[in-house]
Full PDB file with SEQRES, HELIX, SHEET, SSBOND, CRYST1, ORIGX, SCALE, CONECT and MASTER records, all heavy atoms in Angstrom:
SEQRES   1 A   36  ASP ASN GLN HIS GLY ASP ASP PRO LEU ALA HIS CYS LEU          
SEQRES   2 A   36  PRO HIS GLY VAL PRO ARG ILE ASN THR ASN GLY LEU PHE          
SEQRES   3 A   36  PRO PHE LYS ILE VAL GLN THR ARG GLY LEU                      
HELIX    1 AA1 PRO A    8  HIS A   11  5                                   4    
HELIX    2 AA2 ARG A   19  ASN A   21  5                                   3    
CRYST1    1.000    1.000    1.000  90.00  90.00  90.00 P 1           1          
ORIGX1      1.000000  0.000000  0.000000        0.00000                         
ORIGX2      0.000000  1.000000  0.000000        0.00000                         
ORIGX3      0.000000  0.000000  1.000000        0.00000                         
SCALE1      1.000000  0.000000  0.000000        0.00000                         
SCALE2      0.000000  1.000000  0.000000        0.00000                         
SCALE3      0.000000  0.000000  1.000000        0.00000                         
ATOM      1  N   ASP A   1      24.687  29.037   7.883  1.00  0.00           N  
ATOM      2  CA  ASP A   1      25.284  29.373   9.183  1.00  0.00           C  
ATOM      3  C   ASP A   1      26.669  28.748   9.330  1.00  0.00           C  
ATOM      4  O   ASP A   1      27.537  29.309   9.993  1.00  0.00           O  
ATOM      5  CB  ASP A   1      24.381  28.906  10.325  1.00  0.00           C  
ATOM      6  CG  ASP A   1      23.073  29.676  10.406  1.00  0.00           C  
ATOM      7  OD1 ASP A   1      22.949  30.741   9.760  1.00  0.00           O  
ATOM      8  OD2 ASP A   1      22.151  29.190  11.099  1.00  0.00           O  
ATOM      9  N   ASN A   2      26.875  27.609   8.718  1.00  0.00           N  
ATOM     10  CA  ASN A   2      28.167  26.911   8.760  1.00  0.00           C  
ATOM     11  C   ASN A   2      29.124  27.426   7.679  1.00  0.00           C  
ATOM     12  O   ASN A   2      30.174  26.830   7.438  1.00  0.00           O  
ATOM     13  CB  ASN A   2      27.938  25.399   8.609  1.00  0.00           C  
ATOM     14  CG  ASN A   2      29.154  24.589   8.970  1.00  0.00           C  
ATOM     15  OD1 ASN A   2      29.891  24.927   9.891  1.00  0.00           O  
ATOM     16  ND2 ASN A   2      29.393  23.528   8.234  1.00  0.00           N  
ATOM     17  N   GLN A   3      28.748  28.515   7.031  1.00  0.00           N  
ATOM     18  CA  GLN A   3      29.566  29.151   5.989  1.00  0.00           C  
ATOM     19  C   GLN A   3      29.953  28.178   4.879  1.00  0.00           C  
ATOM     20  O   GLN A   3      31.065  28.191   4.375  1.00  0.00           O  
ATOM     21  CB  GLN A   3      30.812  29.794   6.606  1.00  0.00           C  
ATOM     22  CG  GLN A   3      30.484  30.840   7.623  1.00  0.00           C  
ATOM     23  CD  GLN A   3      31.712  31.371   8.322  1.00  0.00           C  
ATOM     24  OE1 GLN A   3      32.849  30.967   8.071  1.00  0.00           O  
ATOM     25  NE2 GLN A   3      31.506  32.309   9.228  1.00  0.00           N  
ATOM     26  N   HIS A   4      29.012  27.307   4.527  1.00  0.00           N  
ATOM     27  CA  HIS A   4      29.198  26.340   3.430  1.00  0.00           C  
ATOM     28  C   HIS A   4      30.351  25.370   3.694  1.00  0.00           C  
ATOM     29  O   HIS A   4      30.869  24.758   2.773  1.00  0.00           O  
ATOM     30  CB  HIS A   4      29.410  27.062   2.096  1.00  0.00           C  
ATOM     31  CG  HIS A   4      28.312  27.996   1.740  1.00  0.00           C  
ATOM     32  ND1 HIS A   4      27.405  27.731   0.761  1.00  0.00           N  
ATOM     33  CD2 HIS A   4      27.950  29.203   2.245  1.00  0.00           C  
ATOM     34  CE1 HIS A   4      26.542  28.726   0.670  1.00  0.00           C  
ATOM     35  NE2 HIS A   4      26.853  29.631   1.567  1.00  0.00           N  
ATOM     36  N   GLY A   5      30.744  25.228   4.943  1.00  0.00           N  
ATOM     37  CA  GLY A   5      31.886  24.383   5.281  1.00  0.00           C  
ATOM     38  C   GLY A   5      31.695  22.910   4.971  1.00  0.00           C  
ATOM     39  O   GLY A   5      32.669  22.181   4.846  1.00  0.00           O  
ATOM     40  N   ASP A   6      30.452  22.474   4.853  1.00  0.00           N  
ATOM     41  CA  ASP A   6      30.205  21.067   4.540  1.00  0.00           C  
ATOM     42  C   ASP A   6      29.761  20.869   3.095  1.00  0.00           C  
ATOM     43  O   ASP A   6      29.235  19.819   2.736  1.00  0.00           O  
ATOM     44  CB  ASP A   6      29.203  20.453   5.518  1.00  0.00           C  
ATOM     45  CG  ASP A   6      27.910  21.236   5.626  1.00  0.00           C  
ATOM     46  OD1 ASP A   6      27.847  22.368   5.107  1.00  0.00           O  
ATOM     47  OD2 ASP A   6      26.953  20.724   6.220  1.00  0.00           O  
ATOM     48  N   ASP A   7      29.996  21.865   2.263  1.00  0.00           N  
ATOM     49  CA  ASP A   7      29.711  21.751   0.836  1.00  0.00           C  
ATOM     50  C   ASP A   7      30.573  20.630   0.261  1.00  0.00           C  
ATOM     51  O   ASP A   7      31.797  20.645   0.407  1.00  0.00           O  
ATOM     52  CB  ASP A   7      30.037  23.072   0.144  1.00  0.00           C  
ATOM     53  CG  ASP A   7      29.683  23.104  -1.332  1.00  0.00           C  
ATOM     54  OD1 ASP A   7      29.551  22.031  -1.952  1.00  0.00           O  
ATOM     55  OD2 ASP A   7      29.560  24.214  -1.868  1.00  0.00           O  
ATOM     56  N   PRO A   8      29.974  19.631  -0.378  1.00  0.00           N  
ATOM     57  CA  PRO A   8      30.778  18.535  -0.936  1.00  0.00           C  
ATOM     58  C   PRO A   8      31.891  19.026  -1.858  1.00  0.00           C  
ATOM     59  O   PRO A   8      33.001  18.491  -1.832  1.00  0.00           O  
ATOM     60  CB  PRO A   8      29.755  17.696  -1.706  1.00  0.00           C  
ATOM     61  CG  PRO A   8      28.449  17.988  -1.037  1.00  0.00           C  
ATOM     62  CD  PRO A   8      28.543  19.420  -0.600  1.00  0.00           C  
ATOM     63  N   LEU A   9      31.611  20.037  -2.653  1.00  0.00           N  
ATOM     64  CA  LEU A   9      32.614  20.551  -3.581  1.00  0.00           C  
ATOM     65  C   LEU A   9      33.834  21.109  -2.837  1.00  0.00           C  
ATOM     66  O   LEU A   9      34.964  20.972  -3.290  1.00  0.00           O  
ATOM     67  CB  LEU A   9      32.006  21.630  -4.475  1.00  0.00           C  
ATOM     68  CG  LEU A   9      32.889  22.164  -5.580  1.00  0.00           C  
ATOM     69  CD1 LEU A   9      33.361  21.044  -6.502  1.00  0.00           C  
ATOM     70  CD2 LEU A   9      32.149  23.217  -6.374  1.00  0.00           C  
ATOM     71  N   ALA A  10      33.605  21.694  -1.659  1.00  0.00           N  
ATOM     72  CA  ALA A  10      34.715  22.219  -0.860  1.00  0.00           C  
ATOM     73  C   ALA A  10      35.609  21.103  -0.334  1.00  0.00           C  
ATOM     74  O   ALA A  10      36.723  21.360   0.111  1.00  0.00           O  
ATOM     75  CB  ALA A  10      34.174  23.046   0.305  1.00  0.00           C  
ATOM     76  N   HIS A  11      35.128  19.881  -0.396  1.00  0.00           N  
ATOM     77  CA  HIS A  11      35.891  18.720   0.056  1.00  0.00           C  
ATOM     78  C   HIS A  11      36.275  17.813  -1.113  1.00  0.00           C  
ATOM     79  O   HIS A  11      36.498  16.614  -0.929  1.00  0.00           O  
ATOM     80  CB  HIS A  11      35.089  17.945   1.108  1.00  0.00           C  
ATOM     81  CG  HIS A  11      34.803  18.768   2.321  1.00  0.00           C  
ATOM     82  ND1 HIS A  11      35.718  18.934   3.339  1.00  0.00           N  
ATOM     83  CD2 HIS A  11      33.742  19.545   2.646  1.00  0.00           C  
ATOM     84  CE1 HIS A  11      35.214  19.742   4.246  1.00  0.00           C  
ATOM     85  NE2 HIS A  11      34.019  20.129   3.850  1.00  0.00           N  
ATOM     86  N   CYS A  12      36.347  18.433  -2.294  1.00  0.00           N  
ATOM     87  CA  CYS A  12      36.768  17.739  -3.518  1.00  0.00           C  
ATOM     88  C   CYS A  12      35.845  16.575  -3.899  1.00  0.00           C  
ATOM     89  O   CYS A  12      36.285  15.607  -4.519  1.00  0.00           O  
ATOM     90  CB  CYS A  12      38.214  17.263  -3.415  1.00  0.00           C  
ATOM     91  SG  CYS A  12      39.367  18.652  -3.306  1.00  0.00           S  
ATOM     92  N   LEU A  13      34.594  16.682  -3.525  1.00  0.00           N  
ATOM     93  CA  LEU A  13      33.603  15.706  -3.963  1.00  0.00           C  
ATOM     94  C   LEU A  13      32.843  16.301  -5.146  1.00  0.00           C  
ATOM     95  O   LEU A  13      32.803  17.516  -5.310  1.00  0.00           O  
ATOM     96  CB  LEU A  13      32.664  15.359  -2.804  1.00  0.00           C  
ATOM     97  CG  LEU A  13      33.347  14.628  -1.650  1.00  0.00           C  
ATOM     98  CD1 LEU A  13      32.424  14.549  -0.439  1.00  0.00           C  
ATOM     99  CD2 LEU A  13      33.802  13.248  -2.092  1.00  0.00           C  
ATOM    100  N   PRO A  14      32.223  15.471  -5.960  1.00  0.00           N  
ATOM    101  CA  PRO A  14      31.613  15.962  -7.202  1.00  0.00           C  
ATOM    102  C   PRO A  14      30.458  16.932  -6.988  1.00  0.00           C  
ATOM    103  O   PRO A  14      29.765  16.891  -5.979  1.00  0.00           O  
ATOM    104  CB  PRO A  14      31.098  14.686  -7.868  1.00  0.00           C  
ATOM    105  CG  PRO A  14      31.888  13.580  -7.271  1.00  0.00           C  
ATOM    106  CD  PRO A  14      32.191  14.012  -5.866  1.00  0.00           C  
ATOM    107  N   HIS A  15      30.279  17.760  -8.008  1.00  0.00           N  
ATOM    108  CA  HIS A  15      29.048  18.537  -8.133  1.00  0.00           C  
ATOM    109  C   HIS A  15      27.932  17.524  -8.349  1.00  0.00           C  
ATOM    110  O   HIS A  15      28.172  16.417  -8.791  1.00  0.00           O  
ATOM    111  CB  HIS A  15      29.059  19.374  -9.413  1.00  0.00           C  
ATOM    112  CG  HIS A  15      29.996  20.505  -9.441  1.00  0.00           C  
ATOM    113  ND1 HIS A  15      31.332  20.364  -9.678  1.00  0.00           N  
ATOM    114  CD2 HIS A  15      29.781  21.818  -9.310  1.00  0.00           C  
ATOM    115  CE1 HIS A  15      31.898  21.549  -9.690  1.00  0.00           C  
ATOM    116  NE2 HIS A  15      30.982  22.441  -9.461  1.00  0.00           N  
ATOM    117  N   GLY A  16      26.738  17.947  -8.148  1.00  0.00           N  
ATOM    118  CA  GLY A  16      25.599  17.145  -8.564  1.00  0.00           C  
ATOM    119  C   GLY A  16      25.008  17.749  -9.816  1.00  0.00           C  
ATOM    120  O   GLY A  16      25.558  18.674 -10.409  1.00  0.00           O  
ATOM    121  N   VAL A  17      23.872  17.246 -10.197  1.00  0.00           N  
ATOM    122  CA  VAL A  17      23.109  17.801 -11.317  1.00  0.00           C  
ATOM    123  C   VAL A  17      21.953  18.570 -10.689  1.00  0.00           C  
ATOM    124  O   VAL A  17      21.316  18.064  -9.766  1.00  0.00           O  
ATOM    125  CB  VAL A  17      22.586  16.653 -12.205  1.00  0.00           C  
ATOM    126  CG1 VAL A  17      21.667  17.170 -13.283  1.00  0.00           C  
ATOM    127  CG2 VAL A  17      23.756  15.888 -12.821  1.00  0.00           C  
ATOM    128  N   PRO A  18      21.712  19.787 -11.073  1.00  0.00           N  
ATOM    129  CA  PRO A  18      22.227  20.518 -12.221  1.00  0.00           C  
ATOM    130  C   PRO A  18      23.432  21.406 -11.911  1.00  0.00           C  
ATOM    131  O   PRO A  18      23.926  22.088 -12.794  1.00  0.00           O  
ATOM    132  CB  PRO A  18      21.040  21.387 -12.618  1.00  0.00           C  
ATOM    133  CG  PRO A  18      20.404  21.735 -11.308  1.00  0.00           C  
ATOM    134  CD  PRO A  18      20.552  20.487 -10.471  1.00  0.00           C  
ATOM    135  N   ARG A  19      23.914  21.393 -10.683  1.00  0.00           N  
ATOM    136  CA  ARG A  19      24.988  22.302 -10.282  1.00  0.00           C  
ATOM    137  C   ARG A  19      26.218  22.200 -11.176  1.00  0.00           C  
ATOM    138  O   ARG A  19      26.891  23.195 -11.434  1.00  0.00           O  
ATOM    139  CB  ARG A  19      25.376  22.007  -8.835  1.00  0.00           C  
ATOM    140  CG  ARG A  19      26.389  22.956  -8.256  1.00  0.00           C  
ATOM    141  CD  ARG A  19      26.713  22.579  -6.825  1.00  0.00           C  
ATOM    142  NE  ARG A  19      27.614  23.525  -6.214  1.00  0.00           N  
ATOM    143  CZ  ARG A  19      28.199  23.316  -5.038  1.00  0.00           C  
ATOM    144  NH1 ARG A  19      27.954  22.201  -4.364  1.00  0.00           N  
ATOM    145  NH2 ARG A  19      29.013  24.214  -4.542  1.00  0.00           N  
ATOM    146  N   ILE A  20      26.506  21.016 -11.675  1.00  0.00           N  
ATOM    147  CA  ILE A  20      27.707  20.830 -12.494  1.00  0.00           C  
ATOM    148  C   ILE A  20      27.679  21.705 -13.744  1.00  0.00           C  
ATOM    149  O   ILE A  20      28.718  22.050 -14.289  1.00  0.00           O  
ATOM    150  CB  ILE A  20      27.914  19.347 -12.845  1.00  0.00           C  
ATOM    151  CG1 ILE A  20      29.335  19.142 -13.371  1.00  0.00           C  
ATOM    152  CG2 ILE A  20      26.838  18.854 -13.815  1.00  0.00           C  
ATOM    153  CD1 ILE A  20      29.794  17.722 -13.339  1.00  0.00           C  
ATOM    154  N   ASN A  21      26.484  22.105 -14.159  1.00  0.00           N  
ATOM    155  CA  ASN A  21      26.355  22.947 -15.361  1.00  0.00           C  
ATOM    156  C   ASN A  21      26.363  24.441 -15.047  1.00  0.00           C  
ATOM    157  O   ASN A  21      26.039  25.240 -15.915  1.00  0.00           O  
ATOM    158  CB  ASN A  21      25.062  22.604 -16.102  1.00  0.00           C  
ATOM    159  CG  ASN A  21      25.082  21.207 -16.649  1.00  0.00           C  
ATOM    160  OD1 ASN A  21      26.105  20.707 -17.090  1.00  0.00           O  
ATOM    161  ND2 ASN A  21      23.944  20.555 -16.624  1.00  0.00           N  
ATOM    162  N   THR A  22      26.710  24.816 -13.846  1.00  0.00           N  
ATOM    163  CA  THR A  22      26.640  26.239 -13.484  1.00  0.00           C  
ATOM    164  C   THR A  22      27.990  26.916 -13.327  1.00  0.00           C  
ATOM    165  O   THR A  22      28.045  28.107 -13.079  1.00  0.00           O  
ATOM    166  CB  THR A  22      25.850  26.422 -12.170  1.00  0.00           C  
ATOM    167  OG1 THR A  22      26.544  25.764 -11.115  1.00  0.00           O  
ATOM    168  CG2 THR A  22      24.438  25.896 -12.288  1.00  0.00           C  
ATOM    169  N   ASN A  23      29.071  26.177 -13.442  1.00  0.00           N  
ATOM    170  CA  ASN A  23      30.387  26.771 -13.223  1.00  0.00           C  
ATOM    171  C   ASN A  23      31.010  27.155 -14.559  1.00  0.00           C  
ATOM    172  O   ASN A  23      31.598  26.329 -15.244  1.00  0.00           O  
ATOM    173  CB  ASN A  23      31.295  25.803 -12.463  1.00  0.00           C  
ATOM    174  CG  ASN A  23      32.553  26.477 -11.990  1.00  0.00           C  
ATOM    175  OD1 ASN A  23      32.948  27.516 -12.514  1.00  0.00           O  
ATOM    176  ND2 ASN A  23      33.186  25.898 -10.994  1.00  0.00           N  
ATOM    177  N   GLY A  24      30.883  28.419 -14.900  1.00  0.00           N  
ATOM    178  CA  GLY A  24      31.413  28.916 -16.158  1.00  0.00           C  
ATOM    179  C   GLY A  24      32.926  29.018 -16.202  1.00  0.00           C  
ATOM    180  O   GLY A  24      33.500  29.310 -17.248  1.00  0.00           O  
ATOM    181  N   LEU A  25      33.608  28.789 -15.072  1.00  0.00           N  
ATOM    182  CA  LEU A  25      35.068  28.864 -15.051  1.00  0.00           C  
ATOM    183  C   LEU A  25      35.713  27.667 -15.740  1.00  0.00           C  
ATOM    184  O   LEU A  25      36.825  27.758 -16.237  1.00  0.00           O  
ATOM    185  CB  LEU A  25      35.579  28.948 -13.613  1.00  0.00           C  
ATOM    186  CG  LEU A  25      35.142  30.167 -12.815  1.00  0.00           C  
ATOM    187  CD1 LEU A  25      35.629  30.052 -11.378  1.00  0.00           C  
ATOM    188  CD2 LEU A  25      35.660  31.435 -13.466  1.00  0.00           C  
ATOM    189  N   PHE A  26      35.017  26.540 -15.715  1.00  0.00           N  
ATOM    190  CA  PHE A  26      35.572  25.313 -16.261  1.00  0.00           C  
ATOM    191  C   PHE A  26      34.779  24.892 -17.492  1.00  0.00           C  
ATOM    192  O   PHE A  26      33.568  24.719 -17.413  1.00  0.00           O  
ATOM    193  CB  PHE A  26      35.539  24.186 -15.216  1.00  0.00           C  
ATOM    194  CG  PHE A  26      36.399  24.473 -14.025  1.00  0.00           C  
ATOM    195  CD1 PHE A  26      35.859  25.032 -12.876  1.00  0.00           C  
ATOM    196  CD2 PHE A  26      37.759  24.195 -14.053  1.00  0.00           C  
ATOM    197  CE1 PHE A  26      36.642  25.297 -11.781  1.00  0.00           C  
ATOM    198  CE2 PHE A  26      38.557  24.459 -12.953  1.00  0.00           C  
ATOM    199  CZ  PHE A  26      38.000  25.016 -11.816  1.00  0.00           C  
ATOM    200  N   PRO A  27      35.448  24.700 -18.614  1.00  0.00           N  
ATOM    201  CA  PRO A  27      34.724  24.307 -19.819  1.00  0.00           C  
ATOM    202  C   PRO A  27      34.256  22.856 -19.755  1.00  0.00           C  
ATOM    203  O   PRO A  27      34.716  22.066 -18.935  1.00  0.00           O  
ATOM    204  CB  PRO A  27      35.763  24.486 -20.930  1.00  0.00           C  
ATOM    205  CG  PRO A  27      37.081  24.354 -20.255  1.00  0.00           C  
ATOM    206  CD  PRO A  27      36.872  24.861 -18.854  1.00  0.00           C  
ATOM    207  N   PHE A  28      33.317  22.541 -20.622  1.00  0.00           N  
ATOM    208  CA  PHE A  28      32.898  21.158 -20.800  1.00  0.00           C  
ATOM    209  C   PHE A  28      32.724  20.904 -22.283  1.00  0.00           C  
ATOM    210  O   PHE A  28      32.614  21.833 -23.082  1.00  0.00           O  
ATOM    211  CB  PHE A  28      31.633  20.817 -20.002  1.00  0.00           C  
ATOM    212  CG  PHE A  28      30.415  21.625 -20.371  1.00  0.00           C  
ATOM    213  CD1 PHE A  28      29.550  21.208 -21.370  1.00  0.00           C  
ATOM    214  CD2 PHE A  28      30.114  22.786 -19.676  1.00  0.00           C  
ATOM    215  CE1 PHE A  28      28.423  21.940 -21.693  1.00  0.00           C  
ATOM    216  CE2 PHE A  28      28.990  23.535 -19.988  1.00  0.00           C  
ATOM    217  CZ  PHE A  28      28.140  23.112 -21.000  1.00  0.00           C  
ATOM    218  N   LYS A  29      32.739  19.649 -22.639  1.00  0.00           N  
ATOM    219  CA  LYS A  29      32.641  19.266 -24.041  1.00  0.00           C  
ATOM    220  C   LYS A  29      31.510  18.259 -24.181  1.00  0.00           C  
ATOM    221  O   LYS A  29      31.387  17.340 -23.365  1.00  0.00           O  
ATOM    222  CB  LYS A  29      33.950  18.637 -24.500  1.00  0.00           C  
ATOM    223  CG  LYS A  29      34.019  18.321 -25.983  1.00  0.00           C  
ATOM    224  CD  LYS A  29      35.390  17.777 -26.358  1.00  0.00           C  
ATOM    225  CE  LYS A  29      36.375  18.938 -26.372  1.00  0.00           C  
ATOM    226  NZ  LYS A  29      37.671  18.600 -26.976  1.00  0.00           N  
ATOM    227  N   ILE A  30      30.682  18.440 -25.202  1.00  0.00           N  
ATOM    228  CA  ILE A  30      29.584  17.529 -25.484  1.00  0.00           C  
ATOM    229  C   ILE A  30      29.952  16.726 -26.724  1.00  0.00           C  
ATOM    230  O   ILE A  30      30.258  17.292 -27.767  1.00  0.00           O  
ATOM    231  CB  ILE A  30      28.268  18.288 -25.695  1.00  0.00           C  
ATOM    232  CG1 ILE A  30      27.909  19.067 -24.423  1.00  0.00           C  
ATOM    233  CG2 ILE A  30      27.138  17.323 -26.082  1.00  0.00           C  
ATOM    234  CD1 ILE A  30      26.699  19.980 -24.559  1.00  0.00           C  
ATOM    235  N   VAL A  31      29.935  15.395 -26.576  1.00  0.00           N  
ATOM    236  CA  VAL A  31      30.239  14.488 -27.683  1.00  0.00           C  
ATOM    237  C   VAL A  31      28.961  13.715 -27.983  1.00  0.00           C  
ATOM    238  O   VAL A  31      28.393  13.082 -27.089  1.00  0.00           O  
ATOM    239  CB  VAL A  31      31.380  13.516 -27.299  1.00  0.00           C  
ATOM    240  CG1 VAL A  31      31.688  12.573 -28.447  1.00  0.00           C  
ATOM    241  CG2 VAL A  31      32.618  14.286 -26.862  1.00  0.00           C  
ATOM    242  N   GLN A  32      28.527  13.778 -29.239  1.00  0.00           N  
ATOM    243  CA  GLN A  32      27.261  13.163 -29.603  1.00  0.00           C  
ATOM    244  C   GLN A  32      27.465  12.034 -30.611  1.00  0.00           C  
ATOM    245  O   GLN A  32      28.146  12.205 -31.614  1.00  0.00           O  
ATOM    246  CB  GLN A  32      26.344  14.223 -30.209  1.00  0.00           C  
ATOM    247  CG  GLN A  32      24.993  13.711 -30.633  1.00  0.00           C  
ATOM    248  CD  GLN A  32      24.132  14.806 -31.231  1.00  0.00           C  
ATOM    249  OE1 GLN A  32      24.391  15.988 -31.063  1.00  0.00           O  
ATOM    250  NE2 GLN A  32      23.094  14.403 -31.939  1.00  0.00           N  
ATOM    251  N   THR A  33      26.866  10.882 -30.318  1.00  0.00           N  
ATOM    252  CA  THR A  33      26.800   9.773 -31.266  1.00  0.00           C  
ATOM    253  C   THR A  33      25.323   9.437 -31.453  1.00  0.00           C  
ATOM    254  O   THR A  33      24.450  10.047 -30.828  1.00  0.00           O  
ATOM    255  CB  THR A  33      27.572   8.537 -30.759  1.00  0.00           C  
ATOM    256  OG1 THR A  33      26.898   8.012 -29.622  1.00  0.00           O  
ATOM    257  CG2 THR A  33      29.006   8.881 -30.382  1.00  0.00           C  
ATOM    258  N   ARG A  34      25.045   8.445 -32.260  1.00  0.00           N  
ATOM    259  CA  ARG A  34      23.641   8.102 -32.531  1.00  0.00           C  
ATOM    260  C   ARG A  34      22.876   7.718 -31.264  1.00  0.00           C  
ATOM    261  O   ARG A  34      21.756   8.148 -31.053  1.00  0.00           O  
ATOM    262  CB  ARG A  34      23.565   6.970 -33.539  1.00  0.00           C  
ATOM    263  CG  ARG A  34      22.149   6.549 -33.892  1.00  0.00           C  
ATOM    264  CD  ARG A  34      22.128   5.436 -34.891  1.00  0.00           C  
ATOM    265  NE  ARG A  34      22.801   5.780 -36.125  1.00  0.00           N  
ATOM    266  CZ  ARG A  34      22.205   6.275 -37.197  1.00  0.00           C  
ATOM    267  NH1 ARG A  34      20.912   6.455 -37.185  1.00  0.00           N  
ATOM    268  NH2 ARG A  34      22.898   6.573 -38.274  1.00  0.00           N  
ATOM    269  N   GLY A  35      23.454   6.911 -30.415  1.00  0.00           N  
ATOM    270  CA  GLY A  35      22.734   6.408 -29.254  1.00  0.00           C  
ATOM    271  C   GLY A  35      23.199   6.935 -27.916  1.00  0.00           C  
ATOM    272  O   GLY A  35      22.708   6.502 -26.879  1.00  0.00           O  
ATOM    273  N   LEU A  36      24.150   7.879 -27.934  1.00  0.00           N  
ATOM    274  CA  LEU A  36      24.734   8.329 -26.676  1.00  0.00           C  
ATOM    275  C   LEU A  36      25.268   9.755 -26.810  1.00  0.00           C  
ATOM    276  O   LEU A  36      25.892  10.102 -27.812  1.00  0.00           O  
ATOM    277  CB  LEU A  36      25.897   7.386 -26.297  1.00  0.00           C  
ATOM    278  CG  LEU A  36      26.633   7.632 -25.002  1.00  0.00           C  
ATOM    279  CD1 LEU A  36      25.740   7.330 -23.799  1.00  0.00           C  
ATOM    280  CD2 LEU A  36      27.891   6.760 -24.945  1.00  0.00           C  
TER     281      LEU A  36                                                      
MASTER        0    0    0    2    0    0    0    6  280    1    0    3          
END                                                                             
């Protein structure tokens, strides 16, 4: 009803999980080491 006006992302606050993995417009990179 508020037209998503209080969406944190609309106020330059971070996505949460799992939402951060849903934006295909922005690439991401996975770096893998033995323990991390």
